Amino acid sequence: MLLFLRSAAFNLAFYAMSVVMVIGCSPLFLLPRSLTFKAMAFWSHATLWLLKVIAGTTCEIRGTLPQGPVLVASKHQSMWDTVVMTAILNRPAMVLKRELLWIPFYGWYAQKTRMIAIDRGAAAAAIRRLVAQGKAAIAEGRPVVIFPEGTRAAPGTKLEYKPGVAALYRQLGVSCVPAAVNSGLFWARRGFARKPGTIVLEFLEPIPPGLDRKSFMETLESRVETAAARLAGEAGGPAALATRPVENA
């Protein structure tokens, strides 16, 4: 019962805060992008604070925080992953599904901050646009953040890594920083409960530019999935299942 009450209180506070902020910050659409980035970072920090105070869910960041023009390829288990990246990285260019741009306010903010929208049904054309937008972000000194599986995967499962991450790695010519999380154990992708505990985001050893596609993908998957299994095990989750493949939704 306590878990239900705390989860309900957090969800109510989170959505109320989000509505107030997205509407109240609307004038930022007419002002420099830098102010919109600051507003998004504030919203992210406020979300993490509400999660800590109401739900009892804290977070721990491990490894070296990526700085400047770099490719970040992260495991994706929860909405929390996008929230924390916006909070801790400087002006990140997040790769997201094009459909998210159609959401009122959220999509407008994403366009204002030049997030990278990809049409997953457009195949080669989508990859070309992805690379072009990625190059523009790197030229501005921004980190490009991509979730290689393309969608959220429940703890203990592994989805197919999409070709977009390999295309970005090959064409951007920058290091790739793999990252692993155990967020899905506390903030489930399709669940109501927000469980107390410590969510861990771990930035792993960077992969230098220049590897061939096969070597890069094998290295990336190995580092991310191994770390995800370890983090799940530390939190009492399904570590033994962390590399079990499933079909993409």
C-alpha atoms as a PDB file:
ATOM      1  CA  MET A   1       0.000   0.000   0.000  1.00  0.00           C
ATOM      2  CA  LEU A   2       2.835   2.403   0.854  1.00  0.00           C
ATOM      3  CA  LEU A   3       4.465   1.757  -2.519  1.00  0.00           C
ATOM      4  CA  PHE A   4       1.183   2.519  -4.276  1.00  0.00           C
ATOM      5  CA  LEU A   5       0.652   5.748  -2.337  1.00  0.00           C
ATOM      6  CA  ARG A   6       4.190   7.002  -2.903  1.00  0.00           C
ATOM      7  CA  SER A   7       4.043   6.100  -6.595  1.00  0.00           C
ATOM      8  CA  ALA A   8       0.690   7.849  -6.993  1.00  0.00           C
ATOM      9  CA  ALA A   9       1.992  10.940  -5.216  1.00  0.00           C
ATOM     10  CA  PHE A  10       5.083  11.064  -7.402  1.00  0.00           C
ATOM     11  CA  ASN A  11       3.152  10.590 -10.638  1.00  0.00           C
ATOM     12  CA  LEU A  12       0.696  13.328  -9.668  1.00  0.00           C
ATOM     13  CA  ALA A  13       3.489  15.739  -8.711  1.00  0.00           C
ATOM     14  CA  PHE A  14       5.527  14.875 -11.798  1.00  0.00           C
ATOM     15  CA  TYR A  15       2.724  15.470 -14.293  1.00  0.00           C
ATOM     16  CA  ALA A  16       1.524  18.615 -12.518  1.00  0.00           C
ATOM     17  CA  MET A  17       5.046  20.046 -12.495  1.00  0.00           C
ATOM     18  CA  SER A  18       5.547  19.112 -16.141  1.00  0.00           C
ATOM     19  CA  VAL A  19       2.309  20.777 -17.273  1.00  0.00           C
ATOM     20  CA  VAL A  20       3.119  23.964 -15.379  1.00  0.00           C
ATOM     21  CA  MET A  21       6.630  24.099 -16.774  1.00  0.00           C
ATOM     22  CA  VAL A  22       5.917  23.325 -20.427  1.00  0.00           C
ATOM     23  CA  ILE A  23       3.178  25.940 -20.534  1.00  0.00           C
ATOM     24  CA  GLY A  24       4.940  28.494 -18.371  1.00  0.00           C
ATOM     25  CA  CYS A  25       8.145  28.257 -20.400  1.00  0.00           C
ATOM     26  CA  SER A  26       6.384  28.721 -23.765  1.00  0.00           C
ATOM     27  CA  PRO A  27       7.832  32.230 -24.247  1.00  0.00           C
ATOM     28  CA  LEU A  28      11.234  30.547 -24.564  1.00  0.00           C
ATOM     29  CA  PHE A  29      10.264  29.536 -28.104  1.00  0.00           C
ATOM     30  CA  LEU A  30      10.924  33.175 -29.051  1.00  0.00           C
ATOM     31  CA  LEU A  31      14.219  33.419 -27.160  1.00  0.00           C
ATOM     32  CA  PRO A  32      17.720  31.927 -27.671  1.00  0.00           C
ATOM     33  CA  ARG A  33      18.061  28.156 -27.568  1.00  0.00           C
ATOM     34  CA  SER A  34      20.429  28.337 -24.615  1.00  0.00           C
ATOM     35  CA  LEU A  35      17.539  29.320 -22.355  1.00  0.00           C
ATOM     36  CA  THR A  36      15.465  26.373 -23.531  1.00  0.00           C
ATOM     37  CA  PHE A  37      18.332  24.016 -22.688  1.00  0.00           C
ATOM     38  CA  LYS A  38      18.462  25.509 -19.195  1.00  0.00           C
ATOM     39  CA  ALA A  39      14.715  25.046 -18.758  1.00  0.00           C
ATOM     40  CA  MET A  40      14.919  21.404 -19.861  1.00  0.00           C
ATOM     41  CA  ALA A  41      17.809  20.763 -17.469  1.00  0.00           C
ATOM     42  CA  PHE A  42      15.826  22.368 -14.637  1.00  0.00           C
ATOM     43  CA  TRP A  43      12.808  20.161 -15.410  1.00  0.00           C
ATOM     44  CA  SER A  44      15.053  17.086 -15.385  1.00  0.00           C
ATOM     45  CA  HIS A  45      16.644  17.998 -12.053  1.00  0.00           C
ATOM     46  CA  ALA A  46      13.206  18.734 -10.602  1.00  0.00           C
ATOM     47  CA  THR A  47      11.999  15.304 -11.748  1.00  0.00           C
ATOM     48  CA  LEU A  48      14.952  13.568 -10.102  1.00  0.00           C
ATOM     49  CA  TRP A  49      14.348  15.561  -6.907  1.00  0.00           C
ATOM     50  CA  LEU A  50      10.662  14.581  -6.810  1.00  0.00           C
ATOM     51  CA  LEU A  51      11.618  10.966  -7.397  1.00  0.00           C
ATOM     52  CA  LYS A  52      14.041  11.084  -4.475  1.00  0.00           C
ATOM     53  CA  VAL A  53      11.821  12.967  -2.028  1.00  0.00           C
ATOM     54  CA  ILE A  54       8.495  11.285  -2.778  1.00  0.00           C
ATOM     55  CA  ALA A  55       9.343   7.817  -4.086  1.00  0.00           C
ATOM     56  CA  GLY A  56      12.619   7.307  -2.239  1.00  0.00           C
ATOM     57  CA  THR A  57      14.466   6.621  -5.496  1.00  0.00           C
ATOM     58  CA  THR A  58      17.951   8.093  -5.671  1.00  0.00           C
ATOM     59  CA  CYS A  59      20.551   7.848  -8.428  1.00  0.00           C
ATOM     60  CA  GLU A  60      24.253   7.202  -8.763  1.00  0.00           C
ATOM     61  CA  ILE A  61      26.401   8.205 -11.732  1.00  0.00           C
ATOM     62  CA  ARG A  62      29.514   6.101 -12.281  1.00  0.00           C
ATOM     63  CA  GLY A  63      32.405   6.547 -14.656  1.00  0.00           C
ATOM     64  CA  THR A  64      33.641   9.656 -16.424  1.00  0.00           C
ATOM     65  CA  LEU A  65      30.925  12.061 -17.520  1.00  0.00           C
ATOM     66  CA  PRO A  66      31.113  12.549 -21.318  1.00  0.00           C
ATOM     67  CA  GLN A  67      32.098  16.062 -22.325  1.00  0.00           C
ATOM     68  CA  GLY A  68      31.914  17.883 -25.640  1.00  0.00           C
ATOM     69  CA  PRO A  69      31.451  16.287 -29.068  1.00  0.00           C
ATOM     70  CA  VAL A  70      31.148  12.571 -28.394  1.00  0.00           C
ATOM     71  CA  LEU A  71      28.725   9.750 -29.192  1.00  0.00           C
ATOM     72  CA  VAL A  72      26.974   8.244 -26.161  1.00  0.00           C
ATOM     73  CA  ALA A  73      25.322   4.839 -26.747  1.00  0.00           C
ATOM     74  CA  SER A  74      23.214   3.797 -23.777  1.00  0.00           C
ATOM     75  CA  LYS A  75      21.056   0.907 -22.652  1.00  0.00           C
ATOM     76  CA  HIS A  76      17.423   2.059 -22.451  1.00  0.00           C
ATOM     77  CA  GLN A  77      15.043   0.636 -19.863  1.00  0.00           C
ATOM     78  CA  SER A  78      12.982   3.569 -18.651  1.00  0.00           C
ATOM     79  CA  MET A  79      11.894   7.148 -19.202  1.00  0.00           C
ATOM     80  CA  TRP A  80      14.371   7.922 -16.429  1.00  0.00           C
ATOM     81  CA  ASP A  81      17.219   7.411 -18.896  1.00  0.00           C
ATOM     82  CA  THR A  82      16.210  10.387 -21.029  1.00  0.00           C
ATOM     83  CA  VAL A  83      15.529  12.511 -17.951  1.00  0.00           C
ATOM     84  CA  VAL A  84      18.963  11.944 -16.433  1.00  0.00           C
ATOM     85  CA  MET A  85      20.849  12.483 -19.706  1.00  0.00           C
ATOM     86  CA  THR A  86      19.229  15.895 -20.076  1.00  0.00           C
ATOM     87  CA  ALA A  87      20.125  16.707 -16.465  1.00  0.00           C
ATOM     88  CA  ILE A  88      23.802  15.765 -16.452  1.00  0.00           C
ATOM     89  CA  LEU A  89      25.029  16.315 -20.025  1.00  0.00           C
ATOM     90  CA  ASN A  90      25.638  19.716 -21.584  1.00  0.00           C
ATOM     91  CA  ARG A  91      23.127  20.411 -24.383  1.00  0.00           C
ATOM     92  CA  PRO A  92      22.745  16.775 -25.461  1.00  0.00           C
ATOM     93  CA  ALA A  93      21.382  16.007 -28.919  1.00  0.00           C
ATOM     94  CA  MET A  94      19.103  13.043 -28.211  1.00  0.00           C
ATOM     95  CA  VAL A  95      18.142  10.639 -30.981  1.00  0.00           C
ATOM     96  CA  LEU A  96      14.380  10.089 -30.737  1.00  0.00           C
ATOM     97  CA  LYS A  97      11.480   8.722 -32.756  1.00  0.00           C
ATOM     98  CA  ARG A  98      10.017  11.237 -35.192  1.00  0.00           C
ATOM     99  CA  GLU A  99       6.517  10.616 -33.794  1.00  0.00           C
ATOM    100  CA  LEU A 100       7.553  12.311 -30.549  1.00  0.00           C
ATOM    101  CA  LEU A 101       7.790  15.612 -32.422  1.00  0.00           C
ATOM    102  CA  TRP A 102       4.030  15.472 -32.915  1.00  0.00           C
ATOM    103  CA  ILE A 103       3.363  15.679 -29.168  1.00  0.00           C
ATOM    104  CA  PRO A 104       2.246  19.220 -28.238  1.00  0.00           C
ATOM    105  CA  PHE A 105       4.840  21.186 -26.283  1.00  0.00           C
ATOM    106  CA  TYR A 106       7.230  18.233 -25.883  1.00  0.00           C
ATOM    107  CA  GLY A 107       7.750  18.034 -29.628  1.00  0.00           C
ATOM    108  CA  TRP A 108       8.097  21.792 -29.892  1.00  0.00           C
ATOM    109  CA  TYR A 109      10.789  21.848 -27.223  1.00  0.00           C
ATOM    110  CA  ALA A 110      12.580  18.960 -28.945  1.00  0.00           C
ATOM    111  CA  GLN A 111      12.598  20.871 -32.210  1.00  0.00           C
ATOM    112  CA  LYS A 112      13.710  24.082 -30.527  1.00  0.00           C
ATOM    113  CA  THR A 113      16.720  22.317 -29.013  1.00  0.00           C
ATOM    114  CA  ARG A 114      17.439  20.455 -32.275  1.00  0.00           C
ATOM    115  CA  MET A 115      17.057  16.955 -30.984  1.00  0.00           C
ATOM    116  CA  ILE A 116      17.654  14.322 -33.672  1.00  0.00           C
ATOM    117  CA  ALA A 117      14.401  12.827 -34.949  1.00  0.00           C
ATOM    118  CA  ILE A 118      14.523   9.612 -36.954  1.00  0.00           C
ATOM    119  CA  ASP A 119      11.850   7.968 -39.068  1.00  0.00           C
ATOM    120  CA  ARG A 120      12.458   4.278 -38.432  1.00  0.00           C
ATOM    121  CA  GLY A 121      10.380   3.310 -41.441  1.00  0.00           C
ATOM    122  CA  ALA A 122      12.426   5.286 -43.963  1.00  0.00           C
ATOM    123  CA  ALA A 123      15.462   2.959 -43.989  1.00  0.00           C
ATOM    124  CA  ALA A 124      18.420   4.424 -45.914  1.00  0.00           C
ATOM    125  CA  ALA A 125      16.950   7.931 -46.079  1.00  0.00           C
ATOM    126  CA  ALA A 126      16.484   7.918 -42.314  1.00  0.00           C
ATOM    127  CA  ILE A 127      20.121   6.935 -41.772  1.00  0.00           C
ATOM    128  CA  ARG A 128      21.291   9.773 -44.022  1.00  0.00           C
ATOM    129  CA  ARG A 129      19.222  12.301 -42.080  1.00  0.00           C
ATOM    130  CA  LEU A 130      20.412  10.819 -38.789  1.00  0.00           C
ATOM    131  CA  VAL A 131      24.053  11.228 -39.806  1.00  0.00           C
ATOM    132  CA  ALA A 132      23.506  14.762 -41.139  1.00  0.00           C
ATOM    133  CA  GLN A 133      21.851  15.901 -37.916  1.00  0.00           C
ATOM    134  CA  GLY A 134      24.490  14.118 -35.864  1.00  0.00           C
ATOM    135  CA  LYS A 135      27.278  15.920 -37.712  1.00  0.00           C
ATOM    136  CA  ALA A 136      25.547  19.262 -37.111  1.00  0.00           C
ATOM    137  CA  ALA A 137      25.334  18.550 -33.380  1.00  0.00           C
ATOM    138  CA  ILE A 138      28.974  17.460 -33.172  1.00  0.00           C
ATOM    139  CA  ALA A 139      30.012  20.626 -35.040  1.00  0.00           C
ATOM    140  CA  GLU A 140      28.306  22.608 -32.259  1.00  0.00           C
ATOM    141  CA  GLY A 141      30.331  20.731 -29.635  1.00  0.00           C
ATOM    142  CA  ARG A 142      27.323  18.766 -28.352  1.00  0.00           C
ATOM    143  CA  PRO A 143      27.243  15.113 -27.265  1.00  0.00           C
ATOM    144  CA  VAL A 144      24.985  12.917 -29.392  1.00  0.00           C
ATOM    145  CA  VAL A 145      22.992  10.421 -27.316  1.00  0.00           C
ATOM    146  CA  ILE A 146      21.487   7.331 -28.918  1.00  0.00           C
ATOM    147  CA  PHE A 147      19.762   4.262 -27.493  1.00  0.00           C
ATOM    148  CA  PRO A 148      21.015   1.552 -29.893  1.00  0.00           C
ATOM    149  CA  GLU A 149      18.098  -0.831 -29.302  1.00  0.00           C
ATOM    150  CA  GLY A 150      15.705   1.850 -30.527  1.00  0.00           C
ATOM    151  CA  THR A 151      13.212   1.465 -27.691  1.00  0.00           C
ATOM    152  CA  ARG A 152      13.025   0.545 -24.023  1.00  0.00           C
ATOM    153  CA  ALA A 153      13.949  -3.011 -23.066  1.00  0.00           C
ATOM    154  CA  ALA A 154      12.837  -4.571 -19.785  1.00  0.00           C
ATOM    155  CA  PRO A 155      15.602  -5.581 -17.362  1.00  0.00           C
ATOM    156  CA  GLY A 156      16.886  -9.013 -18.245  1.00  0.00           C
ATOM    157  CA  THR A 157      16.270  -8.667 -21.970  1.00  0.00           C
ATOM    158  CA  LYS A 158      18.278  -7.544 -24.974  1.00  0.00           C
ATOM    159  CA  LEU A 159      16.844  -6.151 -28.188  1.00  0.00           C
ATOM    160  CA  GLU A 160      18.571  -6.087 -31.553  1.00  0.00           C
ATOM    161  CA  TYR A 161      21.030  -3.203 -31.841  1.00  0.00           C
ATOM    162  CA  LYS A 162      19.954  -0.994 -34.752  1.00  0.00           C
ATOM    163  CA  PRO A 163      22.302   0.109 -37.561  1.00  0.00           C
ATOM    164  CA  GLY A 164      21.945   3.798 -36.724  1.00  0.00           C
ATOM    165  CA  VAL A 165      24.546   3.659 -33.970  1.00  0.00           C
ATOM    166  CA  ALA A 166      27.112   2.093 -36.312  1.00  0.00           C
ATOM    167  CA  ALA A 167      26.393   4.728 -38.964  1.00  0.00           C
ATOM    168  CA  LEU A 168      26.908   7.536 -36.468  1.00  0.00           C
ATOM    169  CA  TYR A 169      30.111   5.986 -35.134  1.00  0.00           C
ATOM    170  CA  ARG A 170      31.522   5.571 -38.626  1.00  0.00           C
ATOM    171  CA  GLN A 171      30.515   8.984 -39.980  1.00  0.00           C
ATOM    172  CA  LEU A 172      31.014  11.260 -36.971  1.00  0.00           C
ATOM    173  CA  GLY A 173      34.610  10.228 -36.373  1.00  0.00           C
ATOM    174  CA  VAL A 174      34.415  10.654 -32.595  1.00  0.00           C
ATOM    175  CA  SER A 175      34.759   8.312 -29.639  1.00  0.00           C
ATOM    176  CA  CYS A 176      31.719   6.336 -28.528  1.00  0.00           C
ATOM    177  CA  VAL A 177      30.988   6.151 -24.803  1.00  0.00           C
ATOM    178  CA  PRO A 178      28.879   3.078 -23.944  1.00  0.00           C
ATOM    179  CA  ALA A 179      26.538   3.390 -20.973  1.00  0.00           C
ATOM    180  CA  ALA A 180      24.504   0.929 -18.912  1.00  0.00           C
ATOM    181  CA  VAL A 181      21.585   1.392 -16.502  1.00  0.00           C
ATOM    182  CA  ASN A 182      19.380  -0.580 -14.145  1.00  0.00           C
ATOM    183  CA  SER A 183      16.570   1.992 -14.219  1.00  0.00           C
ATOM    184  CA  GLY A 184      13.890  -0.447 -15.342  1.00  0.00           C
ATOM    185  CA  LEU A 185      13.994  -2.140 -11.937  1.00  0.00           C
ATOM    186  CA  PHE A 186      12.755   1.051 -10.294  1.00  0.00           C
ATOM    187  CA  TRP A 187      10.827   2.954 -13.000  1.00  0.00           C
ATOM    188  CA  ALA A 188       9.349   0.316 -15.297  1.00  0.00           C
ATOM    189  CA  ARG A 189       8.731   1.150 -18.943  1.00  0.00           C
ATOM    190  CA  ARG A 190       5.016   0.346 -18.698  1.00  0.00           C
ATOM    191  CA  GLY A 191       4.488   0.301 -14.951  1.00  0.00           C
ATOM    192  CA  PHE A 192       2.829   2.595 -12.433  1.00  0.00           C
ATOM    193  CA  ALA A 193       5.121   1.879  -9.477  1.00  0.00           C
ATOM    194  CA  ARG A 194       8.187   3.970  -8.666  1.00  0.00           C
ATOM    195  CA  LYS A 195      10.230   1.738  -6.392  1.00  0.00           C
ATOM    196  CA  PRO A 196      12.639   2.995  -3.725  1.00  0.00           C
ATOM    197  CA  GLY A 197      16.321   2.277  -4.153  1.00  0.00           C
ATOM    198  CA  THR A 198      19.282   3.553  -6.163  1.00  0.00           C
ATOM    199  CA  ILE A 199      19.231   3.743  -9.945  1.00  0.00           C
ATOM    200  CA  VAL A 200      22.726   3.487 -11.416  1.00  0.00           C
ATOM    201  CA  LEU A 201      23.895   4.971 -14.703  1.00  0.00           C
ATOM    202  CA  GLU A 202      27.424   3.877 -15.552  1.00  0.00           C
ATOM    203  CA  PHE A 203      29.517   5.378 -18.325  1.00  0.00           C
ATOM    204  CA  LEU A 204      31.942   2.736 -19.575  1.00  0.00           C
ATOM    205  CA  GLU A 205      35.344   2.745 -21.267  1.00  0.00           C
ATOM    206  CA  PRO A 206      35.149   4.805 -24.475  1.00  0.00           C
ATOM    207  CA  ILE A 207      35.496   3.084 -27.828  1.00  0.00           C
ATOM    208  CA  PRO A 208      37.980   5.062 -29.952  1.00  0.00           C
ATOM    209  CA  PRO A 209      37.040   5.977 -33.528  1.00  0.00           C
ATOM    210  CA  GLY A 210      38.270   3.914 -36.440  1.00  0.00           C
ATOM    211  CA  LEU A 211      37.029   0.385 -35.741  1.00  0.00           C
ATOM    212  CA  ASP A 212      35.293  -1.516 -38.516  1.00  0.00           C
ATOM    213  CA  ARG A 213      31.542  -1.969 -38.168  1.00  0.00           C
ATOM    214  CA  LYS A 214      31.630  -5.571 -36.932  1.00  0.00           C
ATOM    215  CA  SER A 215      34.290  -4.922 -34.299  1.00  0.00           C
ATOM    216  CA  PHE A 216      32.521  -1.796 -33.111  1.00  0.00           C
ATOM    217  CA  MET A 217      29.119  -3.451 -32.729  1.00  0.00           C
ATOM    218  CA  GLU A 218      30.576  -6.467 -30.943  1.00  0.00           C
ATOM    219  CA  THR A 219      32.546  -4.258 -28.555  1.00  0.00           C
ATOM    220  CA  LEU A 220      29.592  -1.970 -27.881  1.00  0.00           C
ATOM    221  CA  GLU A 221      27.118  -4.790 -27.211  1.00  0.00           C
ATOM    222  CA  SER A 222      29.559  -6.704 -25.047  1.00  0.00           C
ATOM    223  CA  ARG A 223      30.384  -3.735 -22.825  1.00  0.00           C
ATOM    224  CA  VAL A 224      26.817  -2.489 -22.470  1.00  0.00           C
ATOM    225  CA  GLU A 225      25.139  -5.851 -21.885  1.00  0.00           C
ATOM    226  CA  THR A 226      27.821  -7.093 -19.493  1.00  0.00           C
ATOM    227  CA  ALA A 227      27.557  -3.922 -17.430  1.00  0.00           C
ATOM    228  CA  ALA A 228      23.744  -3.986 -17.523  1.00  0.00           C
ATOM    229  CA  ALA A 229      23.791  -7.542 -16.171  1.00  0.00           C
ATOM    230  CA  ARG A 230      26.155  -6.539 -13.389  1.00  0.00           C
ATOM    231  CA  LEU A 231      24.073  -3.504 -12.401  1.00  0.00           C
ATOM    232  CA  ALA A 232      20.895  -5.574 -12.405  1.00  0.00           C
ATOM    233  CA  GLY A 233      22.561  -8.145 -10.176  1.00  0.00           C
ATOM    234  CA  GLU A 234      23.751  -5.474  -7.744  1.00  0.00           C
ATOM    235  CA  ALA A 235      20.179  -4.231  -7.390  1.00  0.00           C
ATOM    236  CA  GLY A 236      18.726  -7.700  -6.948  1.00  0.00           C
ATOM    237  CA  GLY A 237      17.358  -7.880 -10.480  1.00  0.00           C
ATOM    238  CA  PRO A 238      17.562 -10.540 -13.199  1.00  0.00           C
ATOM    239  CA  ALA A 239      21.304 -10.409 -13.818  1.00  0.00           C
ATOM    240  CA  ALA A 240      21.385 -13.922 -15.245  1.00  0.00           C
ATOM    241  CA  LEU A 241      18.843 -12.939 -17.869  1.00  0.00           C
ATOM    242  CA  ALA A 242      20.334  -9.614 -18.897  1.00  0.00           C
ATOM    243  CA  THR A 243      21.531 -10.876 -22.279  1.00  0.00           C
ATOM    244  CA  ARG A 244      18.394 -12.818 -23.178  1.00  0.00           C
ATOM    245  CA  PRO A 245      17.345 -11.655 -26.661  1.00  0.00           C
ATOM    246  CA  VAL A 246      13.742 -10.747 -27.427  1.00  0.00           C
ATOM    247  CA  GLU A 247      11.981  -9.422 -30.486  1.00  0.00           C
ATOM    248  CA  ASN A 248      11.591  -5.655 -30.835  1.00  0.00           C
ATOM    249  CA  ALA A 249       8.142  -4.347 -30.091  1.00  0.00           C
END
